[in-house]
Amino acid sequence: MKKYNIEPYNDNQTKRSFKEEDAYLRAKKKLDKLVGFYWHLAVYVAVNLFLIILIVSNSDQGFFDFGTWATPFFWGIGLLFHFLGVFGPNFMFGKNWEEKKIKEYMDKDKEEYQRFQ
C-alpha cells in the first residue's frame, strides 16, 4: 500500500489562498470582458469599413445616404451598450470626477469672494 504525505490542516493558509484565488478569478473575468470588448471594437471597425467601401463603390447611393451608415449606426448602439457593460456607466463621470469638479467650483468661488473684498 502506498503511503501519502498528508500535511496538517492550516486554517489561515486556506483562507488566504481562497482570497487570493477569488481575487485572481475576479481579475481574470474583468480581463476577459475587456478583451471581448476590444475584439468587438476591432471587428466593428473592420467590417464597417469594408461595408462602407463596398456600398459606396458598387451602388448609386451617395456617401452621405442613410443606407450607407445604417449598419455602423445600429451596430454602434450595440457596441455602446457593450462598452457600458464593460467599463460601467460612470466611466467618464465617476466619483473622482465629481469631487474634482466640486473642488474646482469651490476654488473659483473662493477666488471671486477674495477678489471683491
PDB file of N, CA and C in Angstrom:
ATOM      1  N   MET A   1       0.836  -1.173   0.000  1.00  0.00           N
ATOM      2  CA  MET A   1       0.000   0.000   0.000  1.00  0.00           C
ATOM      3  C   MET A   1       0.888   1.246   0.000  1.00  0.00           C
ATOM      4  N   LYS A   2       0.499   2.244  -0.823  1.00  0.00           N
ATOM      5  CA  LYS A   2       1.291   3.454  -0.964  1.00  0.00           C
ATOM      6  C   LYS A   2       0.986   4.422   0.171  1.00  0.00           C
ATOM      7  N   LYS A   3       2.059   5.011   0.709  1.00  0.00           N
ATOM      8  CA  LYS A   3       1.871   5.986   1.786  1.00  0.00           C
ATOM      9  C   LYS A   3       1.731   7.380   1.166  1.00  0.00           C
ATOM     10  N   TYR A   4       0.848   8.169   1.750  1.00  0.00           N
ATOM     11  CA  TYR A   4       0.625   9.531   1.279  1.00  0.00           C
ATOM     12  C   TYR A   4       1.189  10.517   2.281  1.00  0.00           C
ATOM     13  N   ASN A   5       1.728  11.599   1.754  1.00  0.00           N
ATOM     14  CA  ASN A   5       2.228  12.653   2.613  1.00  0.00           C
ATOM     15  C   ASN A   5       1.078  13.626   2.868  1.00  0.00           C
ATOM     16  N   ILE A   6       0.474  13.553   4.030  1.00  0.00           N
ATOM     17  CA  ILE A   6      -0.669  14.403   4.357  1.00  0.00           C
ATOM     18  C   ILE A   6      -0.179  15.526   5.261  1.00  0.00           C
ATOM     19  N   GLU A   7      -0.407  16.757   4.802  1.00  0.00           N
ATOM     20  CA  GLU A   7       0.003  17.914   5.585  1.00  0.00           C
ATOM     21  C   GLU A   7      -1.080  18.258   6.594  1.00  0.00           C
ATOM     22  N   PRO A   8      -0.685  18.812   7.718  1.00  0.00           N
ATOM     23  CA  PRO A   8      -1.692  19.190   8.713  1.00  0.00           C
ATOM     24  C   PRO A   8      -2.566  20.332   8.195  1.00  0.00           C
ATOM     25  N   TYR A   9      -3.773  20.380   8.697  1.00  0.00           N
ATOM     26  CA  TYR A   9      -4.734  21.412   8.288  1.00  0.00           C
ATOM     27  C   TYR A   9      -4.319  22.755   8.863  1.00  0.00           C
ATOM     28  N   ASN A  10      -4.176  23.753   7.984  1.00  0.00           N
ATOM     29  CA  ASN A  10      -3.794  25.093   8.420  1.00  0.00           C
ATOM     30  C   ASN A  10      -4.883  26.053   7.954  1.00  0.00           C
ATOM     31  N   ASP A  11      -5.697  26.508   8.880  1.00  0.00           N
ATOM     32  CA  ASP A  11      -6.864  27.330   8.555  1.00  0.00           C
ATOM     33  C   ASP A  11      -6.472  28.675   7.947  1.00  0.00           C
ATOM     34  N   ASN A  12      -5.440  29.329   8.461  1.00  0.00           N
ATOM     35  CA  ASN A  12      -5.045  30.646   7.943  1.00  0.00           C
ATOM     36  C   ASN A  12      -4.584  30.570   6.493  1.00  0.00           C
ATOM     37  N   GLN A  13      -3.834  29.550   6.171  1.00  0.00           N
ATOM     38  CA  GLN A  13      -3.338  29.396   4.801  1.00  0.00           C
ATOM     39  C   GLN A  13      -4.496  29.151   3.836  1.00  0.00           C
ATOM     40  N   THR A  14      -5.489  28.388   4.255  1.00  0.00           N
ATOM     41  CA  THR A  14      -6.627  28.093   3.399  1.00  0.00           C
ATOM     42  C   THR A  14      -7.412  29.359   3.094  1.00  0.00           C
ATOM     43  N   LYS A  15      -7.652  30.186   4.097  1.00  0.00           N
ATOM     44  CA  LYS A  15      -8.392  31.437   3.882  1.00  0.00           C
ATOM     45  C   LYS A  15      -7.619  32.374   2.968  1.00  0.00           C
ATOM     46  N   ARG A  16      -6.328  32.470   3.207  1.00  0.00           N
ATOM     47  CA  ARG A  16      -5.529  33.387   2.403  1.00  0.00           C
ATOM     48  C   ARG A  16      -5.494  32.943   0.943  1.00  0.00           C
ATOM     49  N   SER A  17      -5.294  31.677   0.693  1.00  0.00           N
ATOM     50  CA  SER A  17      -5.216  31.230  -0.681  1.00  0.00           C
ATOM     51  C   SER A  17      -6.595  31.300  -1.356  1.00  0.00           C
ATOM     52  N   PHE A  18      -7.680  31.120  -0.585  1.00  0.00           N
ATOM     53  CA  PHE A  18      -9.011  31.281  -1.166  1.00  0.00           C
ATOM     54  C   PHE A  18      -9.237  32.732  -1.582  1.00  0.00           C
ATOM     55  N   LYS A  19      -8.825  33.676  -0.734  1.00  0.00           N
ATOM     56  CA  LYS A  19      -8.977  35.096  -1.071  1.00  0.00           C
ATOM     57  C   LYS A  19      -8.148  35.456  -2.294  1.00  0.00           C
ATOM     58  N   GLU A  20      -6.925  34.949  -2.348  1.00  0.00           N
ATOM     59  CA  GLU A  20      -6.061  35.217  -3.498  1.00  0.00           C
ATOM     60  C   GLU A  20      -6.642  34.614  -4.768  1.00  0.00           C
ATOM     61  N   GLU A  21      -7.152  33.404  -4.662  1.00  0.00           N
ATOM     62  CA  GLU A  21      -7.727  32.761  -5.833  1.00  0.00           C
ATOM     63  C   GLU A  21      -8.999  33.472  -6.274  1.00  0.00           C
ATOM     64  N   ASP A  22      -9.801  33.897  -5.313  1.00  0.00           N
ATOM     65  CA  ASP A  22     -11.019  34.628  -5.639  1.00  0.00           C
ATOM     66  C   ASP A  22     -10.691  35.954  -6.326  1.00  0.00           C
ATOM     67  N   ALA A  23      -9.687  36.666  -5.814  1.00  0.00           N
ATOM     68  CA  ALA A  23      -9.264  37.919  -6.433  1.00  0.00           C
ATOM     69  C   ALA A  23      -8.738  37.673  -7.845  1.00  0.00           C
ATOM     70  N   TYR A  24      -7.983  36.597  -8.014  1.00  0.00           N
ATOM     71  CA  TYR A  24      -7.459  36.249  -9.335  1.00  0.00           C
ATOM     72  C   TYR A  24      -8.606  35.959 -10.309  1.00  0.00           C
ATOM     73  N   LEU A  25      -9.594  35.205  -9.856  1.00  0.00           N
ATOM     74  CA  LEU A  25     -10.720  34.860 -10.735  1.00  0.00           C
ATOM     75  C   LEU A  25     -11.530  36.089 -11.111  1.00  0.00           C
ATOM     76  N   ARG A  26     -11.724  37.016 -10.167  1.00  0.00           N
ATOM     77  CA  ARG A  26     -12.440  38.260 -10.496  1.00  0.00           C
ATOM     78  C   ARG A  26     -11.645  39.099 -11.488  1.00  0.00           C
ATOM     79  N   ALA A  27     -10.338  39.188 -11.283  1.00  0.00           N
ATOM     80  CA  ALA A  27      -9.491  39.946 -12.210  1.00  0.00           C
ATOM     81  C   ALA A  27      -9.489  39.304 -13.591  1.00  0.00           C
ATOM     82  N   LYS A  28      -9.444  37.982 -13.640  1.00  0.00           N
ATOM     83  CA  LYS A  28      -9.468  37.259 -14.916  1.00  0.00           C
ATOM     84  C   LYS A  28     -10.785  37.497 -15.645  1.00  0.00           C
ATOM     85  N   LYS A  29     -11.883  37.516 -14.899  1.00  0.00           N
ATOM     86  CA  LYS A  29     -13.193  37.756 -15.501  1.00  0.00           C
ATOM     87  C   LYS A  29     -13.275  39.164 -16.081  1.00  0.00           C
ATOM     88  N   LYS A  30     -12.745  40.154 -15.351  1.00  0.00           N
ATOM     89  CA  LYS A  30     -12.725  41.534 -15.862  1.00  0.00           C
ATOM     90  C   LYS A  30     -11.860  41.632 -17.111  1.00  0.00           C
ATOM     91  N   LEU A  31     -10.722  40.953 -17.094  1.00  0.00           N
ATOM     92  CA  LEU A  31      -9.833  40.973 -18.250  1.00  0.00           C
ATOM     93  C   LEU A  31     -10.497  40.330 -19.460  1.00  0.00           C
ATOM     94  N   ASP A  32     -11.209  39.230 -19.245  1.00  0.00           N
ATOM     95  CA  ASP A  32     -11.915  38.573 -20.352  1.00  0.00           C
ATOM     96  C   ASP A  32     -12.978  39.496 -20.947  1.00  0.00           C
ATOM     97  N   LYS A  33     -13.684  40.243 -20.104  1.00  0.00           N
ATOM     98  CA  LYS A  33     -14.676  41.198 -20.602  1.00  0.00           C
ATOM     99  C   LYS A  33     -13.999  42.298 -21.417  1.00  0.00           C
ATOM    100  N   LEU A  34     -12.865  42.795 -20.922  1.00  0.00           N
ATOM    101  CA  LEU A  34     -12.135  43.848 -21.618  1.00  0.00           C
ATOM    102  C   LEU A  34     -11.632  43.369 -22.976  1.00  0.00           C
ATOM    103  N   VAL A  35     -11.051  42.181 -23.008  1.00  0.00           N
ATOM    104  CA  VAL A  35     -10.555  41.610 -24.269  1.00  0.00           C
ATOM    105  C   VAL A  35     -11.723  41.397 -25.234  1.00  0.00           C
ATOM    106  N   GLY A  36     -12.855  40.925 -24.721  1.00  0.00           N
ATOM    107  CA  GLY A  36     -14.039  40.740 -25.555  1.00  0.00           C
ATOM    108  C   GLY A  36     -14.520  42.041 -26.166  1.00  0.00           C
ATOM    109  N   PHE A  37     -14.476  43.117 -25.372  1.00  0.00           N
ATOM    110  CA  PHE A  37     -14.883  44.415 -25.911  1.00  0.00           C
ATOM    111  C   PHE A  37     -13.928  44.887 -26.996  1.00  0.00           C
ATOM    112  N   TYR A  38     -12.623  44.747 -26.767  1.00  0.00           N
ATOM    113  CA  TYR A  38     -11.660  45.193 -27.775  1.00  0.00           C
ATOM    114  C   TYR A  38     -11.780  44.384 -29.067  1.00  0.00           C
ATOM    115  N   TRP A  39     -12.068  43.090 -28.973  1.00  0.00           N
ATOM    116  CA  TRP A  39     -12.296  42.294 -30.181  1.00  0.00           C
ATOM    117  C   TRP A  39     -13.568  42.768 -30.892  1.00  0.00           C
ATOM    118  N   HIS A  40     -14.595  43.058 -30.120  1.00  0.00           N
ATOM    119  CA  HIS A  40     -15.841  43.550 -30.705  1.00  0.00           C
ATOM    120  C   HIS A  40     -15.583  44.866 -31.439  1.00  0.00           C
ATOM    121  N   LEU A  41     -14.811  45.761 -30.828  1.00  0.00           N
ATOM    122  CA  LEU A  41     -14.484  47.037 -31.448  1.00  0.00           C
ATOM    123  C   LEU A  41     -13.673  46.848 -32.728  1.00  0.00           C
ATOM    124  N   ALA A  42     -12.700  45.937 -32.705  1.00  0.00           N
ATOM    125  CA  ALA A  42     -11.868  45.696 -33.887  1.00  0.00           C
ATOM    126  C   ALA A  42     -12.702  45.128 -35.035  1.00  0.00           C
ATOM    127  N   VAL A  43     -13.583  44.186 -34.735  1.00  0.00           N
ATOM    128  CA  VAL A  43     -14.446  43.611 -35.772  1.00  0.00           C
ATOM    129  C   VAL A  43     -15.407  44.670 -36.297  1.00  0.00           C
ATOM    130  N   TYR A  44     -15.932  45.505 -35.409  1.00  0.00           N
ATOM    131  CA  TYR A  44     -16.830  46.598 -35.805  1.00  0.00           C
ATOM    132  C   TYR A  44     -16.151  47.515 -36.824  1.00  0.00           C
ATOM    133  N   VAL A  45     -14.938  47.934 -36.511  1.00  0.00           N
ATOM    134  CA  VAL A  45     -14.220  48.848 -37.415  1.00  0.00           C
ATOM    135  C   VAL A  45     -13.920  48.168 -38.747  1.00  0.00           C
ATOM    136  N   ALA A  46     -13.396  46.961 -38.710  1.00  0.00           N
ATOM    137  CA  ALA A  46     -13.008  46.270 -39.942  1.00  0.00           C
ATOM    138  C   ALA A  46     -14.215  45.984 -40.836  1.00  0.00           C
ATOM    139  N   VAL A  47     -15.264  45.438 -40.272  1.00  0.00           N
ATOM    140  CA  VAL A  47     -16.433  45.080 -41.072  1.00  0.00           C
ATOM    141  C   VAL A  47     -17.119  46.321 -41.621  1.00  0.00           C
ATOM    142  N   ASN A  48     -17.259  47.342 -40.799  1.00  0.00           N
ATOM    143  CA  ASN A  48     -17.957  48.531 -41.277  1.00  0.00           C
ATOM    144  C   ASN A  48     -17.151  49.315 -42.309  1.00  0.00           C
ATOM    145  N   LEU A  49     -15.844  49.344 -42.190  1.00  0.00           N
ATOM    146  CA  LEU A  49     -15.038  49.959 -43.250  1.00  0.00           C
ATOM    147  C   LEU A  49     -15.233  49.207 -44.570  1.00  0.00           C
ATOM    148  N   PHE A  50     -15.199  47.892 -44.492  1.00  0.00           N
ATOM    149  CA  PHE A  50     -15.407  47.073 -45.679  1.00  0.00           C
ATOM    150  C   PHE A  50     -16.785  47.333 -46.287  1.00  0.00           C
ATOM    151  N   LEU A  51     -17.826  47.359 -45.456  1.00  0.00           N
ATOM    152  CA  LEU A  51     -19.181  47.577 -45.958  1.00  0.00           C
ATOM    153  C   LEU A  51     -19.363  48.962 -46.573  1.00  0.00           C
ATOM    154  N   ILE A  52     -18.818  49.972 -45.931  1.00  0.00           N
ATOM    155  CA  ILE A  52     -18.951  51.338 -46.459  1.00  0.00           C
ATOM    156  C   ILE A  52     -18.251  51.453 -47.802  1.00  0.00           C
ATOM    157  N   ILE A  53     -17.035  50.920 -47.893  1.00  0.00           N
ATOM    158  CA  ILE A  53     -16.307  50.962 -49.174  1.00  0.00           C
ATOM    159  C   ILE A  53     -17.071  50.188 -50.239  1.00  0.00           C
ATOM    160  N   LEU A  54     -17.598  49.030 -49.879  1.00  0.00           N
ATOM    161  CA  LEU A  54     -18.351  48.203 -50.822  1.00  0.00           C
ATOM    162  C   LEU A  54     -19.628  48.911 -51.286  1.00  0.00           C
ATOM    163  N   ILE A  55     -20.374  49.498 -50.383  1.00  0.00           N
ATOM    164  CA  ILE A  55     -21.626  50.170 -50.739  1.00  0.00           C
ATOM    165  C   ILE A  55     -21.366  51.391 -51.602  1.00  0.00           C
ATOM    166  N   VAL A  56     -20.381  52.193 -51.234  1.00  0.00           N
ATOM    167  CA  VAL A  56     -20.103  53.421 -51.993  1.00  0.00           C
ATOM    168  C   VAL A  56     -19.567  53.105 -53.381  1.00  0.00           C
ATOM    169  N   SER A  57     -18.729  52.091 -53.487  1.00  0.00           N
ATOM    170  CA  SER A  57     -18.131  51.810 -54.791  1.00  0.00           C
ATOM    171  C   SER A  57     -19.062  51.048 -55.743  1.00  0.00           C
ATOM    172  N   ASN A  58     -20.029  50.278 -55.240  1.00  0.00           N
ATOM    173  CA  ASN A  58     -20.851  49.437 -56.100  1.00  0.00           C
ATOM    174  C   ASN A  58     -22.306  49.865 -56.233  1.00  0.00           C
ATOM    175  N   SER A  59     -22.665  50.970 -55.679  1.00  0.00           N
ATOM    176  CA  SER A  59     -24.066  51.376 -55.805  1.00  0.00           C
ATOM    177  C   SER A  59     -24.145  52.855 -56.152  1.00  0.00           C
ATOM    178  N   ASP A  60     -25.363  53.263 -56.475  1.00  0.00           N
ATOM    179  CA  ASP A  60     -25.563  54.667 -56.809  1.00  0.00           C
ATOM    180  C   ASP A  60     -25.920  55.488 -55.573  1.00  0.00           C
ATOM    181  N   GLN A  61     -25.896  54.868 -54.392  1.00  0.00           N
ATOM    182  CA  GLN A  61     -26.143  55.622 -53.170  1.00  0.00           C
ATOM    183  C   GLN A  61     -24.960  56.548 -52.915  1.00  0.00           C
ATOM    184  N   GLY A  62     -25.270  57.690 -52.381  1.00  0.00           N
ATOM    185  CA  GLY A  62     -24.208  58.619 -52.042  1.00  0.00           C
ATOM    186  C   GLY A  62     -23.507  58.212 -50.759  1.00  0.00           C
ATOM    187  N   PHE A  63     -22.408  58.868 -50.519  1.00  0.00           N
ATOM    188  CA  PHE A  63     -21.626  58.596 -49.319  1.00  0.00           C
ATOM    189  C   PHE A  63     -22.400  58.976 -48.068  1.00  0.00           C
ATOM    190  N   PHE A  64     -23.241  60.014 -48.170  1.00  0.00           N
ATOM    191  CA  PHE A  64     -23.970  60.509 -47.007  1.00  0.00           C
ATOM    192  C   PHE A  64     -25.398  60.001 -46.953  1.00  0.00           C
ATOM    193  N   ASP A  65     -25.719  58.966 -47.671  1.00  0.00           N
ATOM    194  CA  ASP A  65     -27.050  58.368 -47.649  1.00  0.00           C
ATOM    195  C   ASP A  65     -27.201  57.524 -46.384  1.00  0.00           C
ATOM    196  N   PHE A  66     -28.440  57.430 -45.859  1.00  0.00           N
ATOM    197  CA  PHE A  66     -28.655  56.671 -44.624  1.00  0.00           C
ATOM    198  C   PHE A  66     -28.320  55.188 -44.790  1.00  0.00           C
ATOM    199  N   GLY A  67     -28.585  54.635 -45.941  1.00  0.00           N
ATOM    200  CA  GLY A  67     -28.295  53.225 -46.176  1.00  0.00           C
ATOM    201  C   GLY A  67     -26.825  52.899 -46.036  1.00  0.00           C
ATOM    202  N   THR A  68     -25.976  53.855 -46.339  1.00  0.00           N
ATOM    203  CA  THR A  68     -24.537  53.644 -46.206  1.00  0.00           C
ATOM    204  C   THR A  68     -24.136  53.525 -44.740  1.00  0.00           C
ATOM    205  N   TRP A  69     -24.811  54.273 -43.896  1.00  0.00           N
ATOM    206  CA  TRP A  69     -24.418  54.363 -42.498  1.00  0.00           C
ATOM    207  C   TRP A  69     -25.355  53.607 -41.545  1.00  0.00           C
ATOM    208  N   ALA A  70     -26.350  52.890 -42.066  1.00  0.00           N
ATOM    209  CA  ALA A  70     -27.316  52.210 -41.204  1.00  0.00           C
ATOM    210  C   ALA A  70     -26.655  51.116 -40.356  1.00  0.00           C
ATOM    211  N   THR A  71     -25.866  50.275 -40.966  1.00  0.00           N
ATOM    212  CA  THR A  71     -25.223  49.189 -40.219  1.00  0.00           C
ATOM    213  C   THR A  71     -24.267  49.721 -39.156  1.00  0.00           C
ATOM    214  N   PRO A  72     -23.363  50.660 -39.493  1.00  0.00           N
ATOM    215  CA  PRO A  72     -22.499  51.191 -38.435  1.00  0.00           C
ATOM    216  C   PRO A  72     -23.284  51.888 -37.316  1.00  0.00           C
ATOM    217  N   PHE A  73     -24.380  52.546 -37.668  1.00  0.00           N
ATOM    218  CA  PHE A  73     -25.171  53.256 -36.660  1.00  0.00           C
ATOM    219  C   PHE A  73     -25.802  52.291 -35.664  1.00  0.00           C
ATOM    220  N   PHE A  74     -26.530  51.297 -36.170  1.00  0.00           N
ATOM    221  CA  PHE A  74     -27.229  50.387 -35.272  1.00  0.00           C
ATOM    222  C   PHE A  74     -26.266  49.438 -34.544  1.00  0.00           C
ATOM    223  N   TRP A  75     -25.233  49.006 -35.218  1.00  0.00           N
ATOM    224  CA  TRP A  75     -24.223  48.182 -34.565  1.00  0.00           C
ATOM    225  C   TRP A  75     -23.487  49.010 -33.514  1.00  0.00           C
ATOM    226  N   GLY A  76     -23.292  50.293 -33.800  1.00  0.00           N
ATOM    227  CA  GLY A  76     -22.647  51.200 -32.846  1.00  0.00           C
ATOM    228  C   GLY A  76     -23.447  51.339 -31.565  1.00  0.00           C
ATOM    229  N   ILE A  77     -24.770  51.295 -31.661  1.00  0.00           N
ATOM    230  CA  ILE A  77     -25.597  51.331 -30.459  1.00  0.00           C
ATOM    231  C   ILE A  77     -25.316  50.087 -29.609  1.00  0.00           C
ATOM    232  N   GLY A  78     -25.245  48.943 -30.242  1.00  0.00           N
ATOM    233  CA  GLY A  78     -24.903  47.720 -29.523  1.00  0.00           C
ATOM    234  C   GLY A  78     -23.510  47.775 -28.924  1.00  0.00           C
ATOM    235  N   LEU A  79     -22.573  48.351 -29.667  1.00  0.00           N
ATOM    236  CA  LEU A  79     -21.206  48.496 -29.175  1.00  0.00           C
ATOM    237  C   LEU A  79     -21.166  49.435 -27.970  1.00  0.00           C
ATOM    238  N   LEU A  80     -21.984  50.475 -27.993  1.00  0.00           N
ATOM    239  CA  LEU A  80     -22.068  51.395 -26.857  1.00  0.00           C
ATOM    240  C   LEU A  80     -22.549  50.661 -25.602  1.00  0.00           C
ATOM    241  N   PHE A  81     -23.568  49.814 -25.748  1.00  0.00           N
ATOM    242  CA  PHE A  81     -24.046  49.053 -24.599  1.00  0.00           C
ATOM    243  C   PHE A  81     -22.992  48.057 -24.117  1.00  0.00           C
ATOM    244  N   HIS A  82     -22.237  47.485 -25.019  1.00  0.00           N
ATOM    245  CA  HIS A  82     -21.141  46.596 -24.630  1.00  0.00           C
ATOM    246  C   HIS A  82     -20.095  47.385 -23.846  1.00  0.00           C
ATOM    247  N   PHE A  83     -19.767  48.584 -24.320  1.00  0.00           N
ATOM    248  CA  PHE A  83     -18.824  49.471 -23.628  1.00  0.00           C
ATOM    249  C   PHE A  83     -19.302  49.774 -22.212  1.00  0.00           C
ATOM    250  N   LEU A  84     -20.585  50.126 -22.086  1.00  0.00           N
ATOM    251  CA  LEU A  84     -21.125  50.437 -20.764  1.00  0.00           C
ATOM    252  C   LEU A  84     -21.133  49.204 -19.864  1.00  0.00           C
ATOM    253  N   GLY A  85     -21.333  48.028 -20.441  1.00  0.00           N
ATOM    254  CA  GLY A  85     -21.289  46.802 -19.655  1.00  0.00           C
ATOM    255  C   GLY A  85     -19.894  46.477 -19.142  1.00  0.00           C
ATOM    256  N   VAL A  86     -18.879  46.831 -19.917  1.00  0.00           N
ATOM    257  CA  VAL A  86     -17.501  46.538 -19.517  1.00  0.00           C
ATOM    258  C   VAL A  86     -16.946  47.611 -18.580  1.00  0.00           C
ATOM    259  N   PHE A  87     -17.101  48.869 -18.951  1.00  0.00           N
ATOM    260  CA  PHE A  87     -16.487  49.953 -18.194  1.00  0.00           C
ATOM    261  C   PHE A  87     -17.418  50.578 -17.171  1.00  0.00           C
ATOM    262  N   GLY A  88     -18.700  50.311 -17.259  1.00  0.00           N
ATOM    263  CA  GLY A  88     -19.658  50.858 -16.310  1.00  0.00           C
ATOM    264  C   GLY A  88     -20.190  52.206 -16.762  1.00  0.00           C
ATOM    265  N   PRO A  89     -21.374  52.562 -16.274  1.00  0.00           N
ATOM    266  CA  PRO A  89     -21.985  53.824 -16.695  1.00  0.00           C
ATOM    267  C   PRO A  89     -21.269  55.055 -16.147  1.00  0.00           C
ATOM    268  N   ASN A  90     -20.461  54.896 -15.104  1.00  0.00           N
ATOM    269  CA  ASN A  90     -19.760  56.040 -14.520  1.00  0.00           C
ATOM    270  C   ASN A  90     -18.334  56.165 -15.031  1.00  0.00           C
ATOM    271  N   PHE A  91     -18.107  55.708 -16.250  1.00  0.00           N
ATOM    272  CA  PHE A  91     -16.750  55.713 -16.801  1.00  0.00           C
ATOM    273  C   PHE A  91     -16.188  57.123 -16.892  1.00  0.00           C
ATOM    274  N   MET A  92     -16.957  58.038 -17.456  1.00  0.00           N
ATOM    275  CA  MET A  92     -16.466  59.400 -17.635  1.00  0.00           C
ATOM    276  C   MET A  92     -16.798  60.301 -16.451  1.00  0.00           C
ATOM    277  N   PHE A  93     -17.939  60.080 -15.837  1.00  0.00           N
ATOM    278  CA  PHE A  93     -18.388  60.965 -14.773  1.00  0.00           C
ATOM    279  C   PHE A  93     -18.500  60.205 -13.458  1.00  0.00           C
ATOM    280  N   GLY A  94     -17.408  59.616 -13.036  1.00  0.00           N
ATOM    281  CA  GLY A  94     -17.387  58.832 -11.813  1.00  0.00           C
ATOM    282  C   GLY A  94     -17.244  59.707 -10.583  1.00  0.00           C
ATOM    283  N   LYS A  95     -17.046  59.075  -9.461  1.00  0.00           N
ATOM    284  CA  LYS A  95     -16.954  59.771  -8.179  1.00  0.00           C
ATOM    285  C   LYS A  95     -15.766  60.719  -8.147  1.00  0.00           C
ATOM    286  N   ASN A  96     -14.628  60.312  -8.679  1.00  0.00           N
ATOM    287  CA  ASN A  96     -13.457  61.191  -8.682  1.00  0.00           C
ATOM    288  C   ASN A  96     -13.717  62.451  -9.495  1.00  0.00           C
ATOM    289  N   TRP A  97     -14.423  62.321 -10.599  1.00  0.00           N
ATOM    290  CA  TRP A  97     -14.728  63.474 -11.437  1.00  0.00           C
ATOM    291  C   TRP A  97     -15.613  64.452 -10.672  1.00  0.00           C
ATOM    292  N   GLU A  98     -16.598  63.931  -9.956  1.00  0.00           N
ATOM    293  CA  GLU A  98     -17.490  64.796  -9.185  1.00  0.00           C
ATOM    294  C   GLU A  98     -16.708  65.555  -8.112  1.00  0.00           C
ATOM    295  N   GLU A  99     -15.842  64.850  -7.410  1.00  0.00           N
ATOM    296  CA  GLU A  99     -15.065  65.502  -6.366  1.00  0.00           C
ATOM    297  C   GLU A  99     -14.138  66.581  -6.929  1.00  0.00           C
ATOM    298  N   LYS A 100     -13.519  66.313  -8.073  1.00  0.00           N
ATOM    299  CA  LYS A 100     -12.643  67.307  -8.705  1.00  0.00           C
ATOM    300  C   LYS A 100     -13.427  68.542  -9.128  1.00  0.00           C
ATOM    301  N   LYS A 101     -14.615  68.331  -9.702  1.00  0.00           N
ATOM    302  CA  LYS A 101     -15.439  69.459 -10.145  1.00  0.00           C
ATOM    303  C   LYS A 101     -15.925  70.283  -8.957  1.00  0.00           C
ATOM    304  N   ILE A 102     -16.322  69.614  -7.879  1.00  0.00           N
ATOM    305  CA  ILE A 102     -16.762  70.348  -6.684  1.00  0.00           C
ATOM    306  C   ILE A 102     -15.628  71.199  -6.143  1.00  0.00           C
ATOM    307  N   LYS A 103     -14.423  70.619  -6.071  1.00  0.00           N
ATOM    308  CA  LYS A 103     -13.265  71.376  -5.592  1.00  0.00           C
ATOM    309  C   LYS A 103     -12.965  72.546  -6.528  1.00  0.00           C
ATOM    310  N   GLU A 104     -13.067  72.329  -7.827  1.00  0.00           N
ATOM    311  CA  GLU A 104     -12.811  73.388  -8.801  1.00  0.00           C
ATOM    312  C   GLU A 104     -13.797  74.546  -8.616  1.00  0.00           C
ATOM    313  N   TYR A 105     -15.078  74.228  -8.459  1.00  0.00           N
ATOM    314  CA  TYR A 105     -16.082  75.281  -8.272  1.00  0.00           C
ATOM    315  C   TYR A 105     -15.903  76.003  -6.938  1.00  0.00           C
ATOM    316  N   MET A 106     -15.520  75.263  -5.910  1.00  0.00           N
ATOM    317  CA  MET A 106     -15.279  75.904  -4.622  1.00  0.00           C
ATOM    318  C   MET A 106     -14.080  76.851  -4.700  1.00  0.00           C
ATOM    319  N   ASP A 107     -13.038  76.450  -5.407  1.00  0.00           N
ATOM    320  CA  ASP A 107     -11.866  77.310  -5.576  1.00  0.00           C
ATOM    321  C   ASP A 107     -12.224  78.565  -6.362  1.00  0.00           C
ATOM    322  N   LYS A 108     -13.041  78.427  -7.403  1.00  0.00           N
ATOM    323  CA  LYS A 108     -13.464  79.597  -8.176  1.00  0.00           C
ATOM    324  C   LYS A 108     -14.288  80.555  -7.327  1.00  0.00           C
ATOM    325  N   ASP A 109     -15.190  79.997  -6.511  1.00  0.00           N
ATOM    326  CA  ASP A 109     -15.990  80.853  -5.627  1.00  0.00           C
ATOM    327  C   ASP A 109     -15.115  81.572  -4.620  1.00  0.00           C
ATOM    328  N   LYS A 110     -14.114  80.871  -4.112  1.00  0.00           N
ATOM    329  CA  LYS A 110     -13.199  81.484  -3.153  1.00  0.00           C
ATOM    330  C   LYS A 110     -12.425  82.621  -3.797  1.00  0.00           C
ATOM    331  N   GLU A 111     -11.963  82.422  -5.042  1.00  0.00           N
ATOM    332  CA  GLU A 111     -11.238  83.482  -5.754  1.00  0.00           C
ATOM    333  C   GLU A 111     -12.150  84.680  -6.009  1.00  0.00           C
ATOM    334  N   GLU A 112     -13.408  84.443  -6.396  1.00  0.00           N
ATOM    335  CA  GLU A 112     -14.349  85.542  -6.632  1.00  0.00           C
ATOM    336  C   GLU A 112     -14.629  86.311  -5.341  1.00  0.00           C
ATOM    337  N   TYR A 113     -14.777  85.578  -4.273  1.00  0.00           N
ATOM    338  CA  TYR A 113     -15.058  86.198  -2.982  1.00  0.00           C
ATOM    339  C   TYR A 113     -13.884  87.066  -2.545  1.00  0.00           C
ATOM    340  N   GLN A 114     -12.651  86.553  -2.707  1.00  0.00           N
ATOM    341  CA  GLN A 114     -11.468  87.297  -2.300  1.00  0.00           C
ATOM    342  C   GLN A 114     -11.225  88.492  -3.205  1.00  0.00           C
ATOM    343  N   ARG A 115     -11.620  88.390  -4.438  1.00  0.00           N
ATOM    344  CA  ARG A 115     -11.414  89.482  -5.391  1.00  0.00           C
ATOM    345  C   ARG A 115     -12.257  90.699  -5.054  1.00  0.00           C
ATOM    346  N   PHE A 116     -13.433  90.483  -4.507  1.00  0.00           N
ATOM    347  CA  PHE A 116     -14.324  91.598  -4.218  1.00  0.00           C
ATOM    348  C   PHE A 116     -14.239  92.078  -2.771  1.00  0.00           C
ATOM    349  N   GLN A 117     -13.262  91.628  -2.028  1.00  0.00           N
ATOM    350  CA  GLN A 117     -13.112  92.130  -0.654  1.00  0.00           C
ATOM    351  C   GLN A 117     -12.088  93.213  -0.586  1.00  0.00           C
TER     352      GLN A 117
END
